[in-house]
N, C-alpha and C. Protein backbone atom coordinates (compact mmCIF):
# COMPACT_ATOMS: atom_id res chain seq x y z
N MET A 1 22.05 -52.74 -14.55
CA MET A 1 21.42 -53.48 -15.62
C MET A 1 22.44 -53.69 -16.74
N PRO A 2 23.32 -54.60 -16.54
CA PRO A 2 24.31 -54.84 -17.60
C PRO A 2 23.68 -55.54 -18.80
N ARG A 3 24.11 -55.12 -19.96
CA ARG A 3 23.74 -55.83 -21.18
C ARG A 3 25.03 -56.02 -21.96
N PRO A 4 25.12 -57.09 -22.70
CA PRO A 4 26.37 -57.36 -23.40
C PRO A 4 26.69 -56.30 -24.46
N ILE A 5 27.88 -55.77 -24.35
CA ILE A 5 28.42 -54.86 -25.35
C ILE A 5 29.84 -55.34 -25.61
N LEU A 6 30.20 -55.42 -26.86
CA LEU A 6 31.52 -55.91 -27.22
C LEU A 6 32.59 -55.06 -26.55
N ASP A 7 33.47 -55.69 -25.82
CA ASP A 7 34.54 -54.99 -25.13
C ASP A 7 35.46 -54.32 -26.14
N GLU A 8 35.89 -53.10 -25.82
CA GLU A 8 36.74 -52.34 -26.74
C GLU A 8 38.02 -53.09 -27.08
N SER A 9 38.52 -53.90 -26.15
CA SER A 9 39.75 -54.66 -26.42
C SER A 9 39.56 -55.69 -27.52
N LEU A 10 38.30 -56.00 -27.84
CA LEU A 10 38.00 -56.97 -28.90
C LEU A 10 37.65 -56.29 -30.22
N ILE A 11 37.89 -54.98 -30.28
CA ILE A 11 37.68 -54.23 -31.51
C ILE A 11 39.05 -53.78 -32.01
N HIS A 12 39.35 -54.08 -33.23
CA HIS A 12 40.65 -53.73 -33.80
C HIS A 12 40.85 -52.22 -33.73
N PRO A 13 42.04 -51.77 -33.32
CA PRO A 13 42.30 -50.32 -33.19
C PRO A 13 42.02 -49.52 -34.46
N ALA A 14 42.19 -50.15 -35.62
CA ALA A 14 42.00 -49.43 -36.88
C ALA A 14 40.55 -49.01 -37.11
N ILE A 15 39.60 -49.65 -36.46
CA ILE A 15 38.19 -49.30 -36.70
C ILE A 15 37.51 -48.66 -35.48
N ARG A 16 38.23 -48.50 -34.39
CA ARG A 16 37.61 -47.95 -33.17
C ARG A 16 37.04 -46.55 -33.39
N SER A 17 37.76 -45.69 -34.08
CA SER A 17 37.26 -44.32 -34.28
C SER A 17 36.03 -44.33 -35.18
N ARG A 18 35.99 -45.23 -36.15
CA ARG A 18 34.82 -45.33 -37.01
C ARG A 18 33.58 -45.72 -36.21
N ILE A 19 33.77 -46.64 -35.29
CA ILE A 19 32.66 -47.06 -34.43
C ILE A 19 32.25 -45.91 -33.51
N ALA A 20 33.23 -45.24 -32.95
CA ALA A 20 32.95 -44.17 -31.98
C ALA A 20 32.21 -42.99 -32.62
N THR A 21 32.45 -42.73 -33.89
CA THR A 21 31.86 -41.56 -34.53
C THR A 21 30.69 -41.90 -35.45
N HIS A 22 30.36 -43.16 -35.61
CA HIS A 22 29.29 -43.57 -36.52
C HIS A 22 27.96 -42.95 -36.10
N GLU A 23 27.38 -42.12 -36.96
CA GLU A 23 26.10 -41.45 -36.72
C GLU A 23 26.08 -40.72 -35.37
N SER A 24 27.22 -40.20 -34.96
CA SER A 24 27.29 -39.53 -33.66
C SER A 24 26.48 -38.24 -33.61
N ALA A 25 26.23 -37.62 -34.74
CA ALA A 25 25.49 -36.35 -34.76
C ALA A 25 24.07 -36.54 -34.25
N ILE A 26 23.41 -37.61 -34.64
CA ILE A 26 22.03 -37.83 -34.19
C ILE A 26 21.99 -38.13 -32.69
N VAL A 27 22.96 -38.88 -32.21
CA VAL A 27 23.02 -39.19 -30.78
C VAL A 27 23.25 -37.90 -29.99
N GLN A 28 24.16 -37.06 -30.46
CA GLN A 28 24.43 -35.79 -29.78
C GLN A 28 23.21 -34.88 -29.81
N GLU A 29 22.47 -34.89 -30.92
CA GLU A 29 21.27 -34.07 -31.02
C GLU A 29 20.22 -34.51 -30.00
N VAL A 30 20.02 -35.81 -29.86
CA VAL A 30 19.05 -36.33 -28.90
C VAL A 30 19.53 -36.09 -27.47
N GLN A 31 20.81 -36.27 -27.22
CA GLN A 31 21.35 -35.98 -25.89
C GLN A 31 21.11 -34.52 -25.50
N ALA A 32 21.37 -33.62 -26.42
CA ALA A 32 21.18 -32.20 -26.15
C ALA A 32 19.70 -31.87 -25.91
N ALA A 33 18.83 -32.45 -26.72
CA ALA A 33 17.40 -32.19 -26.55
C ALA A 33 16.88 -32.78 -25.24
N ALA A 34 17.37 -33.96 -24.87
CA ALA A 34 16.95 -34.58 -23.61
C ALA A 34 17.43 -33.75 -22.42
N ALA A 35 18.58 -33.11 -22.55
CA ALA A 35 19.09 -32.26 -21.47
C ALA A 35 18.35 -30.92 -21.41
N ALA A 36 17.86 -30.45 -22.56
CA ALA A 36 17.24 -29.12 -22.63
C ALA A 36 15.74 -29.11 -22.34
N HIS A 37 15.09 -30.26 -22.45
CA HIS A 37 13.63 -30.31 -22.31
C HIS A 37 13.24 -31.33 -21.26
N PRO A 38 12.31 -30.98 -20.38
CA PRO A 38 11.89 -31.94 -19.35
C PRO A 38 11.32 -33.24 -19.93
N VAL A 39 10.60 -33.12 -21.05
CA VAL A 39 10.05 -34.32 -21.70
C VAL A 39 10.41 -34.26 -23.17
N LEU A 40 10.99 -35.33 -23.66
CA LEU A 40 11.38 -35.45 -25.06
C LEU A 40 10.79 -36.73 -25.62
N VAL A 41 10.16 -36.63 -26.78
CA VAL A 41 9.67 -37.79 -27.51
C VAL A 41 10.43 -37.86 -28.81
N VAL A 42 11.07 -38.99 -29.06
CA VAL A 42 11.80 -39.20 -30.30
C VAL A 42 11.01 -40.22 -31.11
N GLY A 43 10.62 -39.83 -32.32
CA GLY A 43 9.77 -40.70 -33.10
C GLY A 43 10.12 -40.72 -34.57
N MET A 44 9.16 -41.23 -35.33
CA MET A 44 9.31 -41.35 -36.78
C MET A 44 7.93 -41.27 -37.43
N LYS A 45 7.90 -40.91 -38.72
CA LYS A 45 6.65 -40.84 -39.46
C LYS A 45 6.07 -42.24 -39.64
N GLN A 46 4.80 -42.29 -39.87
CA GLN A 46 4.06 -43.51 -40.20
C GLN A 46 3.91 -44.49 -39.04
N ASN A 47 4.62 -44.29 -37.96
CA ASN A 47 4.52 -45.19 -36.82
C ASN A 47 3.47 -44.59 -35.88
N PRO A 48 2.42 -45.34 -35.55
CA PRO A 48 1.35 -44.77 -34.72
C PRO A 48 1.75 -44.56 -33.26
N PHE A 49 2.78 -45.22 -32.77
CA PHE A 49 3.11 -45.13 -31.36
C PHE A 49 3.71 -43.78 -30.94
N PRO A 50 4.54 -43.12 -31.76
CA PRO A 50 4.94 -41.76 -31.39
C PRO A 50 3.73 -40.82 -31.29
N ARG A 51 2.77 -40.96 -32.19
CA ARG A 51 1.55 -40.15 -32.11
C ARG A 51 0.79 -40.45 -30.82
N LYS A 52 0.74 -41.73 -30.44
CA LYS A 52 0.06 -42.11 -29.21
C LYS A 52 0.73 -41.46 -28.00
N ALA A 53 2.06 -41.48 -27.96
CA ALA A 53 2.79 -40.88 -26.84
C ALA A 53 2.51 -39.39 -26.77
N ARG A 54 2.53 -38.71 -27.90
CA ARG A 54 2.27 -37.28 -27.91
C ARG A 54 0.85 -36.97 -27.48
N ARG A 55 -0.09 -37.78 -27.92
CA ARG A 55 -1.50 -37.60 -27.54
C ARG A 55 -1.67 -37.79 -26.02
N LEU A 56 -1.01 -38.81 -25.46
CA LEU A 56 -1.08 -39.04 -24.02
C LEU A 56 -0.55 -37.83 -23.25
N LEU A 57 0.57 -37.30 -23.71
CA LEU A 57 1.15 -36.13 -23.03
C LEU A 57 0.23 -34.92 -23.14
N GLU A 58 -0.34 -34.72 -24.32
CA GLU A 58 -1.25 -33.59 -24.51
C GLU A 58 -2.48 -33.73 -23.62
N GLN A 59 -3.04 -34.94 -23.53
CA GLN A 59 -4.21 -35.15 -22.68
C GLN A 59 -3.88 -34.93 -21.21
N ALA A 60 -2.64 -35.22 -20.82
CA ALA A 60 -2.21 -35.03 -19.44
C ALA A 60 -1.77 -33.59 -19.18
N GLY A 61 -1.75 -32.76 -20.23
CA GLY A 61 -1.34 -31.36 -20.07
C GLY A 61 0.15 -31.19 -19.85
N VAL A 62 0.94 -32.11 -20.37
CA VAL A 62 2.40 -32.08 -20.19
C VAL A 62 3.04 -31.56 -21.48
N LEU A 63 3.82 -30.49 -21.34
CA LEU A 63 4.56 -29.97 -22.49
C LEU A 63 5.71 -30.91 -22.83
N TYR A 64 6.01 -31.02 -24.11
CA TYR A 64 7.08 -31.92 -24.55
C TYR A 64 7.73 -31.36 -25.79
N HIS A 65 8.91 -31.86 -26.08
CA HIS A 65 9.62 -31.54 -27.31
C HIS A 65 9.62 -32.80 -28.15
N TYR A 66 9.45 -32.65 -29.46
CA TYR A 66 9.37 -33.81 -30.34
C TYR A 66 10.44 -33.74 -31.42
N LEU A 67 11.15 -34.82 -31.59
CA LEU A 67 12.10 -34.97 -32.69
C LEU A 67 11.63 -36.13 -33.55
N GLU A 68 11.61 -35.92 -34.86
CA GLU A 68 11.15 -36.97 -35.77
C GLU A 68 12.24 -37.28 -36.78
N TYR A 69 12.52 -38.55 -36.92
CA TYR A 69 13.58 -38.99 -37.83
C TYR A 69 13.04 -39.96 -38.86
N GLY A 70 12.62 -39.41 -39.99
CA GLY A 70 12.25 -40.20 -41.15
C GLY A 70 11.03 -41.08 -40.97
N SER A 71 10.91 -42.02 -41.92
CA SER A 71 9.81 -42.98 -41.91
C SER A 71 10.44 -44.37 -42.00
N TYR A 72 9.61 -45.35 -42.20
CA TYR A 72 10.13 -46.72 -42.24
C TYR A 72 11.24 -46.90 -43.27
N LEU A 73 11.14 -46.19 -44.38
CA LEU A 73 12.12 -46.39 -45.45
C LEU A 73 13.19 -45.32 -45.50
N SER A 74 13.09 -44.29 -44.69
CA SER A 74 14.11 -43.26 -44.72
C SER A 74 14.71 -43.07 -43.33
N GLN A 75 15.94 -42.72 -43.30
CA GLN A 75 16.71 -42.43 -42.08
C GLN A 75 16.79 -43.61 -41.12
N TRP A 76 16.59 -44.82 -41.62
CA TRP A 76 16.64 -45.98 -40.72
C TRP A 76 18.03 -46.20 -40.15
N ARG A 77 19.07 -45.85 -40.90
CA ARG A 77 20.42 -46.01 -40.37
C ARG A 77 20.65 -45.07 -39.18
N ARG A 78 20.16 -43.85 -39.30
CA ARG A 78 20.29 -42.89 -38.20
C ARG A 78 19.51 -43.38 -36.97
N ARG A 79 18.30 -43.88 -37.19
CA ARG A 79 17.51 -44.38 -36.06
C ARG A 79 18.17 -45.59 -35.42
N THR A 80 18.83 -46.41 -36.22
CA THR A 80 19.52 -47.58 -35.66
C THR A 80 20.60 -47.13 -34.69
N ALA A 81 21.27 -46.02 -34.98
CA ALA A 81 22.29 -45.51 -34.06
C ALA A 81 21.67 -45.17 -32.71
N LEU A 82 20.45 -44.62 -32.72
CA LEU A 82 19.77 -44.32 -31.46
C LEU A 82 19.41 -45.59 -30.71
N LYS A 83 19.00 -46.60 -31.44
CA LYS A 83 18.67 -47.88 -30.80
C LYS A 83 19.91 -48.51 -30.17
N LEU A 84 21.03 -48.42 -30.86
CA LEU A 84 22.27 -48.96 -30.31
C LEU A 84 22.72 -48.17 -29.09
N TRP A 85 22.56 -46.87 -29.14
CA TRP A 85 22.98 -46.01 -28.03
C TRP A 85 22.14 -46.28 -26.79
N THR A 86 20.82 -46.36 -26.94
CA THR A 86 19.94 -46.51 -25.78
C THR A 86 19.73 -47.96 -25.37
N GLY A 87 19.80 -48.86 -26.33
CA GLY A 87 19.42 -50.24 -26.07
C GLY A 87 17.92 -50.45 -26.18
N TRP A 88 17.16 -49.39 -26.49
CA TRP A 88 15.72 -49.47 -26.63
C TRP A 88 15.39 -49.81 -28.08
N PRO A 89 14.62 -50.88 -28.34
CA PRO A 89 14.48 -51.37 -29.70
C PRO A 89 13.41 -50.72 -30.56
N THR A 90 12.56 -49.85 -29.99
CA THR A 90 11.44 -49.33 -30.77
C THR A 90 11.29 -47.82 -30.60
N PHE A 91 10.40 -47.27 -31.42
CA PHE A 91 10.04 -45.85 -31.32
C PHE A 91 8.57 -45.75 -30.94
N PRO A 92 8.25 -44.79 -30.10
CA PRO A 92 9.06 -43.67 -29.68
C PRO A 92 10.01 -44.06 -28.56
N MET A 93 10.95 -43.15 -28.35
CA MET A 93 11.80 -43.18 -27.18
C MET A 93 11.39 -41.95 -26.38
N VAL A 94 10.94 -42.16 -25.17
CA VAL A 94 10.47 -41.05 -24.35
C VAL A 94 11.47 -40.83 -23.22
N PHE A 95 11.95 -39.59 -23.12
CA PHE A 95 12.90 -39.22 -22.07
C PHE A 95 12.21 -38.24 -21.13
N VAL A 96 12.36 -38.46 -19.84
CA VAL A 96 11.85 -37.53 -18.83
C VAL A 96 13.03 -37.11 -17.99
N ARG A 97 13.31 -35.82 -18.01
CA ARG A 97 14.48 -35.26 -17.30
C ARG A 97 15.76 -36.02 -17.66
N GLY A 98 15.90 -36.33 -18.95
CA GLY A 98 17.11 -36.97 -19.45
C GLY A 98 17.16 -38.48 -19.28
N THR A 99 16.15 -39.06 -18.63
CA THR A 99 16.13 -40.51 -18.41
C THR A 99 15.16 -41.17 -19.38
N LEU A 100 15.62 -42.20 -20.06
CA LEU A 100 14.76 -42.96 -20.96
C LEU A 100 13.73 -43.72 -20.12
N VAL A 101 12.45 -43.47 -20.37
CA VAL A 101 11.39 -44.15 -19.61
C VAL A 101 10.67 -45.20 -20.44
N GLY A 102 11.03 -45.33 -21.72
CA GLY A 102 10.42 -46.35 -22.56
C GLY A 102 9.68 -45.75 -23.73
N GLY A 103 8.60 -46.45 -24.12
CA GLY A 103 7.81 -46.04 -25.26
C GLY A 103 6.44 -45.54 -24.85
N ALA A 104 5.51 -45.55 -25.79
CA ALA A 104 4.17 -45.01 -25.55
C ALA A 104 3.44 -45.76 -24.44
N ASN A 105 3.48 -47.07 -24.46
CA ASN A 105 2.77 -47.84 -23.44
C ASN A 105 3.37 -47.61 -22.05
N ASP A 106 4.69 -47.52 -21.99
CA ASP A 106 5.36 -47.25 -20.71
C ASP A 106 4.99 -45.87 -20.21
N LEU A 107 4.93 -44.92 -21.12
CA LEU A 107 4.54 -43.55 -20.76
C LEU A 107 3.12 -43.54 -20.22
N GLY A 108 2.22 -44.28 -20.86
CA GLY A 108 0.84 -44.35 -20.39
C GLY A 108 0.76 -44.87 -18.96
N LYS A 109 1.57 -45.86 -18.63
CA LYS A 109 1.59 -46.40 -17.27
C LYS A 109 2.10 -45.35 -16.28
N LEU A 110 3.13 -44.60 -16.68
CA LEU A 110 3.66 -43.55 -15.80
C LEU A 110 2.62 -42.46 -15.55
N ILE A 111 1.90 -42.10 -16.59
CA ILE A 111 0.87 -41.07 -16.44
C ILE A 111 -0.24 -41.58 -15.53
N HIS A 112 -0.71 -42.79 -15.79
CA HIS A 112 -1.81 -43.37 -15.04
C HIS A 112 -1.48 -43.52 -13.55
N SER A 113 -0.25 -43.90 -13.26
CA SER A 113 0.15 -44.12 -11.86
C SER A 113 0.48 -42.82 -11.12
N GLY A 114 0.63 -41.72 -11.87
CA GLY A 114 1.01 -40.46 -11.26
C GLY A 114 2.52 -40.28 -11.16
N GLU A 115 3.27 -41.29 -11.57
CA GLU A 115 4.73 -41.21 -11.46
C GLU A 115 5.32 -40.17 -12.40
N LEU A 116 4.71 -39.94 -13.55
CA LEU A 116 5.25 -38.94 -14.46
C LEU A 116 5.29 -37.58 -13.78
N GLN A 117 4.21 -37.20 -13.11
CA GLN A 117 4.19 -35.91 -12.43
C GLN A 117 5.25 -35.86 -11.33
N ARG A 118 5.45 -36.96 -10.62
CA ARG A 118 6.50 -36.99 -9.58
C ARG A 118 7.88 -36.81 -10.21
N LEU A 119 8.12 -37.48 -11.33
CA LEU A 119 9.40 -37.34 -12.02
C LEU A 119 9.64 -35.91 -12.48
N LEU A 120 8.59 -35.27 -12.96
CA LEU A 120 8.71 -33.90 -13.46
C LEU A 120 8.93 -32.90 -12.33
N GLN A 121 8.46 -33.22 -11.14
CA GLN A 121 8.61 -32.31 -10.01
C GLN A 121 9.97 -32.46 -9.32
N GLN A 122 10.65 -33.57 -9.57
CA GLN A 122 11.97 -33.78 -8.95
C GLN A 122 12.97 -32.82 -9.53
N ARG A 123 13.95 -32.51 -8.73
CA ARG A 123 15.05 -31.66 -9.21
C ARG A 123 16.28 -32.44 -9.27
């Protein structure tokens, strides 16, 4: 699934390290949490969809880890780094065994179809 990303050869060497390290702490935090927890929900305050994803998981009896990054007016720069890293444009970002599966509606489809349980049982 290729998506256009500016080739490194088209980025001036003087700014490459700035791009590589921009908001890298939040990306590393989410990477570590996705590796450590079978289900990870990354969300934000005031957005009803992270709550919906968590409610769906709770109703399905699935344990999850939740990370919350600000609200609409706070920490938006940090959240933008996550969007750039994943290519996923909205919150929540739901990871199952380290794989991004989408948002709340996508999670609901996985639960309804039984695929979430299959993903969780895989090694």
